[in-house]
Every structure is written in C-alpha cells, then in structure tokens.
Protein backbone atom coordinates (compact mmCIF):
# COMPACT_ATOMS: atom_id res chain seq x y z
CA UNK A 1 -0.26 0.01 -0.44
CA UNK A 2 1.31 3.16 -0.92
CA UNK A 3 0.82 6.49 1.53
CA UNK A 4 1.24 9.31 -0.96
CA UNK A 5 1.45 13.23 0.50
CA UNK A 6 1.81 14.97 -2.18
CA UNK A 7 -1.38 15.83 -4.19
CA UNK A 8 0.12 15.70 -7.60
CA UNK A 9 1.66 12.23 -6.93
CA UNK A 10 -1.84 10.98 -5.82
CA UNK A 11 -3.55 12.05 -9.33
CA UNK A 12 -0.73 10.24 -11.06
CA UNK A 13 -1.10 7.02 -9.07
CA UNK A 14 -5.13 7.31 -10.23
CA UNK A 15 -4.12 8.15 -13.52
CA UNK A 16 -1.84 5.20 -13.69
CA UNK A 17 -4.13 3.02 -12.27
CA UNK A 18 -7.08 3.69 -14.87
CA UNK A 19 -3.90 3.30 -17.33
CA UNK A 20 -4.34 0.10 -16.36
CA UNK A 21 -7.73 -0.93 -17.01
CA UNK A 22 -8.54 -0.46 -13.58
CA UNK A 23 -11.65 1.44 -11.95
CA UNK A 24 -10.72 3.48 -9.17
CA UNK A 25 -12.99 3.54 -5.69
CA UNK A 26 -12.37 6.62 -3.74
CA UNK A 27 -12.86 6.48 -0.08
CA UNK A 28 -12.99 9.92 1.51
CA UNK A 29 -11.87 9.97 5.44
CA UNK A 30 -10.77 12.21 8.40
CA UNK A 31 -9.25 9.24 10.43
CA UNK A 32 -9.89 8.19 13.46
CA UNK A 33 -11.36 5.02 11.37
CA UNK A 34 -13.96 2.44 12.98
CA UNK A 35 -16.45 -0.57 11.57
CA UNK A 36 -18.41 2.03 9.17
CA UNK A 37 -15.42 3.25 7.68
CA UNK A 38 -14.22 -0.23 7.46
CA UNK A 39 -17.01 -0.96 5.81
CA UNK A 40 -16.98 1.49 3.13
CA UNK A 41 -12.96 0.10 2.90
CA UNK A 42 -14.72 -3.47 1.93
CA UNK A 43 -17.46 -2.67 -0.05
CA UNK A 44 -14.88 -0.68 -2.30
CA UNK A 45 -12.77 -3.56 -2.46
CA UNK A 46 -15.41 -5.52 -4.11
CA UNK A 47 -16.42 -3.32 -6.48
CA UNK A 48 -13.66 -2.16 -7.30
CA UNK A 49 -9.77 -2.90 -8.67
CA UNK A 50 -8.12 0.23 -7.38
CA UNK A 51 -9.09 1.25 -4.05
CA UNK A 52 -8.02 4.72 -2.59
CA UNK A 53 -8.31 5.89 1.15
CA UNK A 54 -8.40 9.97 2.31
CA UNK A 55 -6.91 10.70 5.60
CA UNK A 56 -7.47 14.28 6.04
CA UNK A 57 -8.46 16.51 9.08
CA UNK A 58 -10.21 19.17 6.94
CA UNK A 59 -9.77 22.30 8.88
CA UNK A 60 -12.50 24.06 6.63
CA UNK A 61 -15.65 22.01 7.54
CA UNK A 62 -14.90 22.95 11.38
CA UNK A 63 -16.31 26.36 12.87
CA UNK A 64 -15.24 25.73 16.33
CA UNK A 65 -11.09 25.51 16.75
CA UNK A 66 -11.96 23.53 20.10
CA UNK A 67 -13.68 20.87 18.16
CA UNK A 68 -10.89 20.68 15.75
CA UNK A 69 -8.56 20.59 18.07
CA UNK A 70 -10.41 17.64 19.87
CA UNK A 71 -10.39 15.56 16.62
CA UNK A 72 -8.97 12.22 17.01
CA UNK A 73 -5.36 11.34 15.33
CA UNK A 74 -4.55 7.60 15.01
CA UNK A 75 -2.46 7.95 11.80
CA UNK A 76 -0.51 4.78 12.25
CA UNK A 77 -3.63 2.73 13.95
CA UNK A 78 -5.68 3.93 9.94
CA UNK A 79 -3.10 2.74 7.98
CA UNK A 80 -2.98 -0.57 9.53
CA UNK A 81 -7.02 -0.49 8.85
CA UNK A 82 -6.68 0.45 5.08
CA UNK A 83 -3.76 -1.62 4.78
CA UNK A 84 -5.89 -4.67 6.28
CA UNK A 85 -8.61 -3.83 3.94
CA UNK A 86 -6.91 -4.33 1.17
CA UNK A 87 -6.03 -0.26 0.44
CA UNK A 88 -4.01 0.17 -3.19
CA UNK A 89 -2.91 3.81 -1.78
CA UNK A 90 -3.27 6.24 0.48
CA UNK A 91 -3.97 10.07 0.26
CA UNK A 92 -2.52 11.66 3.53
CA UNK A 93 -1.59 15.36 2.66
CA UNK A 94 -0.18 17.40 5.58
CA UNK A 95 -2.64 20.84 5.85
CA UNK A 96 0.08 22.99 4.05
CA UNK A 97 0.07 20.44 0.99
CA UNK A 98 -3.78 20.48 0.86
CA UNK A 99 -4.18 24.26 1.03
CA UNK A 100 -0.29 25.49 0.18
CA UNK A 101 -1.64 29.01 -0.11
CA UNK A 102 -4.00 28.75 3.09
CA UNK A 103 -7.74 28.87 3.15
CA UNK A 104 -8.98 28.88 -0.17
CA UNK A 105 -10.62 31.91 -1.62
CA UNK A 106 -12.80 30.16 -3.43
CA UNK A 107 -15.05 27.58 -2.48
CA UNK A 108 -18.31 25.83 -2.84
CA UNK A 109 -21.65 27.08 -2.24
CA UNK A 110 -23.86 24.25 -0.47
CA UNK A 111 -26.75 26.06 -1.83
CA UNK A 112 -30.13 26.10 0.18
CA UNK A 113 -29.79 22.75 1.73
CA UNK A 114 -26.55 23.32 2.99
CA UNK A 115 -28.21 26.16 5.01
CA UNK A 116 -30.62 23.85 6.83
CA UNK A 117 -30.47 21.10 9.45
CA UNK A 118 -26.63 20.62 10.07
CA UNK A 119 -25.95 23.44 7.98
CA UNK A 120 -28.03 26.02 10.30
CA UNK A 121 -26.47 24.22 13.53
CA UNK A 122 -22.52 24.30 11.95
CA UNK A 123 -22.18 27.21 9.58
CA UNK A 124 -20.08 27.34 7.06
CA UNK A 125 -19.82 23.68 7.65
CA UNK A 126 -21.20 22.47 4.22
CA UNK A 127 -19.06 24.99 2.34
CA UNK A 128 -16.03 23.16 4.04
CA UNK A 129 -16.95 19.54 3.38
CA UNK A 130 -17.97 20.23 -0.25
CA UNK A 131 -14.98 22.10 -0.74
CA UNK A 132 -12.41 19.67 0.43
CA UNK A 133 -14.54 16.89 -1.54
CA UNK A 134 -14.17 18.61 -5.01
CA UNK A 135 -10.63 18.90 -4.60
CA UNK A 136 -10.15 15.44 -3.63
CA UNK A 137 -12.86 14.20 -6.46
CA UNK A 138 -10.06 16.70 -8.75
CA UNK A 139 -7.38 14.75 -7.90
CA UNK A 140 -8.58 11.21 -8.03
CA UNK A 141 -10.47 11.99 -11.65
CA UNK A 142 -13.07 9.27 -12.42
CA UNK A 143 -13.85 7.15 -9.93
CA UNK A 144 -16.69 6.05 -7.76
CA UNK A 145 -16.93 7.66 -4.01
CA UNK A 146 -17.84 6.03 -1.15
CA UNK A 147 -19.78 7.32 1.47
CA UNK A 148 -21.88 6.59 4.74
CA UNK A 149 -25.41 7.10 5.26
CA UNK A 150 -24.86 8.18 8.37
CA UNK A 151 -24.35 11.63 7.07
CA UNK A 152 -27.19 11.72 4.83
CA UNK A 153 -27.15 15.39 4.41
CA UNK A 154 -23.76 15.37 3.55
CA UNK A 155 -24.28 12.68 0.88
CA UNK A 156 -27.32 14.28 -0.58
CA UNK A 157 -24.83 17.71 -1.40
CA UNK A 158 -22.13 15.83 -2.48
CA UNK A 159 -24.78 14.08 -5.03
CA UNK A 160 -25.88 17.11 -6.11
CA UNK A 161 -22.79 18.62 -6.32
CA UNK A 162 -21.55 15.99 -8.92
CA UNK A 163 -25.04 16.78 -10.88
CA UNK A 164 -24.78 20.53 -10.78
CA UNK A 165 -21.03 21.02 -11.48
CA UNK A 166 -20.44 17.98 -13.56
CA UNK A 167 -17.68 16.88 -11.56
CA UNK A 168 -16.02 13.18 -12.65
CA UNK A 169 -17.19 10.82 -10.57
CA UNK A 170 -20.11 8.80 -9.19
CA UNK A 171 -21.51 8.24 -5.46
CA UNK A 172 -22.18 4.91 -3.71
CA UNK A 173 -24.25 5.37 -0.75
CA UNK A 174 -23.49 2.42 1.97
CA UNK A 175 -25.25 1.63 4.73
CA UNK A 176 -24.62 3.39 8.45
CA UNK A 177 -22.84 0.50 10.43
CA UNK A 178 -24.51 0.15 14.16
CA UNK A 179 -23.39 -0.89 17.23
CA UNK A 180 -25.42 -3.87 18.61
CA UNK A 181 -27.30 -1.50 20.73
CA UNK A 182 -28.45 0.74 17.34
CA UNK A 183 -25.95 3.55 18.14
CA UNK A 184 -24.38 4.70 14.46
CA UNK A 185 -21.05 4.49 14.79
CA UNK A 186 -18.62 7.88 15.06
CA UNK A 187 -15.05 8.88 16.05
CA UNK A 188 -17.30 11.08 17.91
CA UNK A 189 -18.58 8.10 20.17
CA UNK A 190 -14.74 7.91 21.86
CA UNK A 191 -15.96 11.21 23.78
CA UNK A 192 -19.06 10.07 25.60
CA UNK A 193 -18.51 8.76 29.35
CA UNK A 194 -19.40 5.29 29.89
CA UNK A 195 -22.87 7.04 31.12
CA UNK A 196 -23.33 8.93 28.28
CA UNK A 197 -22.28 5.99 25.93
CA UNK A 198 -25.49 4.37 27.82
CA UNK A 199 -28.30 6.95 26.80
CA UNK A 200 -26.56 7.80 23.38
CA UNK A 201 -28.73 4.97 21.95
CA UNK A 202 -31.64 7.10 22.73
CA UNK A 203 -31.40 8.86 18.97
CA UNK A 204 -31.91 5.34 17.31
CA UNK A 205 -34.35 4.42 19.65
CA UNK A 206 -36.39 7.34 18.70
CA UNK A 207 -35.98 7.23 15.43
CA UNK A 208 -37.23 4.09 14.87
CA UNK A 209 -40.37 5.02 17.39
CA UNK A 210 -41.14 7.63 14.59
CA UNK A 211 -40.50 4.96 11.82
CA UNK A 212 -43.06 2.32 13.75
CA UNK A 213 -45.89 4.73 13.62
CA UNK A 214 -45.73 5.35 10.11
CA UNK A 215 -45.63 1.87 8.92
CA UNK A 216 -49.38 2.23 11.79
CA UNK A 217 -50.45 4.70 9.62
CA UNK A 218 -49.32 7.73 10.96
CA UNK A 219 -48.83 10.04 7.57
CA UNK A 220 -49.05 13.91 9.61
CA UNK A 221 -45.06 15.47 9.48
CA UNK A 222 -45.87 17.21 12.81
CA UNK A 223 -47.04 14.08 14.53
CA UNK A 224 -43.99 12.21 13.48
CA UNK A 225 -41.66 14.61 14.61
CA UNK A 226 -43.48 14.98 18.37
CA UNK A 227 -43.04 11.22 18.37
CA UNK A 228 -39.24 11.20 18.28
CA UNK A 229 -38.76 14.61 20.33
CA UNK A 230 -41.18 13.11 22.93
CA UNK A 231 -38.40 9.73 23.12
CA UNK A 232 -35.31 11.84 23.03
CA UNK A 233 -36.57 13.85 25.51
CA UNK A 234 -37.26 11.30 27.98
CA UNK A 235 -33.73 10.63 28.24
CA UNK A 236 -32.16 12.91 30.74
CA UNK A 237 -28.62 13.17 29.49
CA UNK A 238 -29.93 14.16 25.67
CA UNK A 239 -30.57 17.78 24.41
CA UNK A 240 -32.31 17.75 21.40
CA UNK A 241 -30.88 19.81 18.52
CA UNK A 242 -33.47 19.24 15.79
CA UNK A 243 -35.85 16.51 14.93
CA UNK A 244 -36.80 16.42 10.69
CA UNK A 245 -38.65 14.65 8.49
CA UNK A 246 -37.81 15.29 5.07
CA UNK A 247 -38.92 13.78 1.46
CA UNK A 248 -36.16 11.09 0.55
CA UNK A 249 -36.07 12.46 -3.25
CA UNK A 250 -36.44 16.39 -2.96
CA UNK A 251 -35.49 16.84 1.11
CA UNK A 252 -38.01 19.30 1.36
CA UNK A 253 -39.64 18.83 4.92
CA UNK A 254 -42.80 16.18 4.66
CA UNK A 255 -45.57 17.64 6.24
CA UNK A 256 -47.61 14.73 4.90
CA UNK A 257 -45.85 11.27 4.54
CA UNK A 258 -46.99 10.24 0.84
CA UNK A 259 -43.74 8.24 0.23
CA UNK A 260 -40.41 7.49 1.22
CA UNK A 261 -39.03 9.70 4.32
CA UNK A 262 -35.92 10.44 6.11
CA UNK A 263 -35.79 11.04 9.45
CA UNK A 264 -33.52 12.92 10.92
CA UNK A 265 -32.55 13.98 14.68
CA UNK A 266 -29.14 15.93 16.19
CA UNK A 267 -28.99 15.81 20.72
CA UNK A 268 -26.43 16.38 22.61
CA UNK A 269 -25.60 13.80 25.24
CA UNK A 270 -23.71 15.38 27.83
CA UNK A 271 -21.33 17.41 25.63
CA UNK A 272 -20.84 15.19 22.65
CA UNK A 273 -23.35 16.17 19.17
CA UNK A 274 -24.57 12.99 17.80
CA UNK A 275 -26.40 13.10 14.92
CA UNK A 276 -28.52 10.23 13.60
CA UNK A 277 -31.23 9.15 10.51
CA UNK A 278 -33.46 6.50 9.29
CA UNK A 279 -35.39 5.98 6.37
CA UNK A 280 -39.02 4.78 6.66
CA UNK A 281 -41.42 3.53 3.65
CA UNK A 282 -44.80 3.62 4.23
CA UNK A 283 -46.52 0.61 3.59
CA UNK A 284 -49.30 2.42 1.44
CA UNK A 285 -46.38 3.70 -0.61
CA UNK A 286 -44.27 0.63 -1.54
CA UNK A 287 -46.67 -2.53 -0.62
CA UNK A 288 -44.08 -3.41 2.28
CA UNK A 289 -43.74 -2.69 5.44
CA UNK A 290 -42.01 0.77 7.44
CA UNK A 291 -38.40 -0.18 7.75
CA UNK A 292 -36.82 -0.09 10.96
CA UNK A 293 -33.40 2.06 10.00
CA UNK A 294 -31.78 2.00 6.68
C-alpha cells in the first residue's frame, strides 16, 4: 500500500491505475477509523480494482477551533486498518500540502439545503465539506466515491454537487453501521463517558419510534416529529438540537408523508453532539412494511 502526501503524486497514481484498465474507488475519511469506515473500504474493495482512501482532517468544515483540536488522530492505526482492508493507496496530505496558499478563496456554495439542519447548526460546515470533496474528486479523477448514509445530508449534498457541476465521479451510498444497541458508529462516540454511552442509543430508539408510527399509519409530519422528540426528551442526558422528517427525493420538509421519507435527529449527549437518521417507507406507498433503520 502506497502512502502519498503530495497531491500531484496522488493524481498520477490514480491516472496510472486507470491507464492499466483499473476502476478507481475513492473512500474519503478524516481518520479515526472505525467499523463504519471499514465497511466502506470493504465495499470499495469488492467493487473496484484500485482502492484509494484519503486521510485528511479538513479544517474548513470546523467552525469551532476547539472541536477541530479535539478531533482524534490515530494515523498508524488508520493506516493499518486501510492496509488490512486491501487499500492500494492512501492519500494523507498535510494541511500545507492540501491548502498551500492557506484557506482557499474560492469555495463551493452548498445551496439552500446546506443552510438547513446540520448547516444551520454548524454554519459554513458544508461549504468546507464540499470544497475538500471537490478537491479530492478532482485529484482522483473519474472514480466511484464511497460515503456512508450516517451523514445523510452530506451525502445528498455531494450527490447534488456532482450533478450540478458535472464533476467526474459517481457516489456510492453505503448503509450506516451500528453497534448492537443501535448507536450509529462515529469517531465522536469515543468522547462519551460510560453513562453517556449508555444513553446515546436514544437517538436510534427515537427515530425508530417515528418509523413505527409511520408503519402504523401516521402520515402527519408534525406528529411523527413529536413522537421522535418525545422519546429523546425522555432521556435526561439528551438535549435535542433538531428533529426533521424530509421527503427522501427532494429533502423538503414532509408535512404529510406520501412516500419514502428520511427521519433525522441531532442531540447532545453530555457535551458530545451526535446525529443519526433512518429511512421509512410507508406500507401504502411501497406495499411493504415501514423499515426500522436503513
């Protein structure tokens, strides 16, 4: 496995792979790898003949300097996981290699969706995410990029960016990986105390309660949101940031559920902010029961 810091060298490695007839799979990460990342790497390895992982903590997407400073760095462990998963190359640039002129003056506007939900809670976050993803895709060239559904709003915005800007590449969505108690895997989970970790699965329980009432026939978006919020409110350590029910195709708020919807929630458990989401497909829209989780 090659570990590459120079952007031009990474681009040459991807070009060389395509010249040999390989298909390129790109797995963007900020390190602190867990089984969710491992599942992306394994999916890419199964699909592609050349797998490249990126390992870069992108400062542009952190509004709070303390949040950036607290982000975990486990480079040796991350490289070992990438190698075990069969990566051919890891692009691990320094901040100076990625942004040699400092913070870029030209960035990607995330549009209206980028200002809602996570965008409202973290102003500028998605501008930073899309800017670095655009750079990574530009360097990798034509490829398939693998993203997890846990960060569903990010995933949708990356899809829209590729569509609207005609960027090379295709997005592959991969299911959220969960602990046995339902908690979505995240590098932020390591910040939870034992008591907070025990409380954290309330996000998935709350979202699952929303899916249940949809499966039972509820179609009013406000009542579904209230059901999710009530479960969250029942956990003393949880402070709800937002609960949303959006149309899966448009991401507009679903006042009435007429087809597949995505339920999203963000909450602080102690001092750690967690997000989660699930998809629900009403029985009368699909002919199948509503889903619990993705």
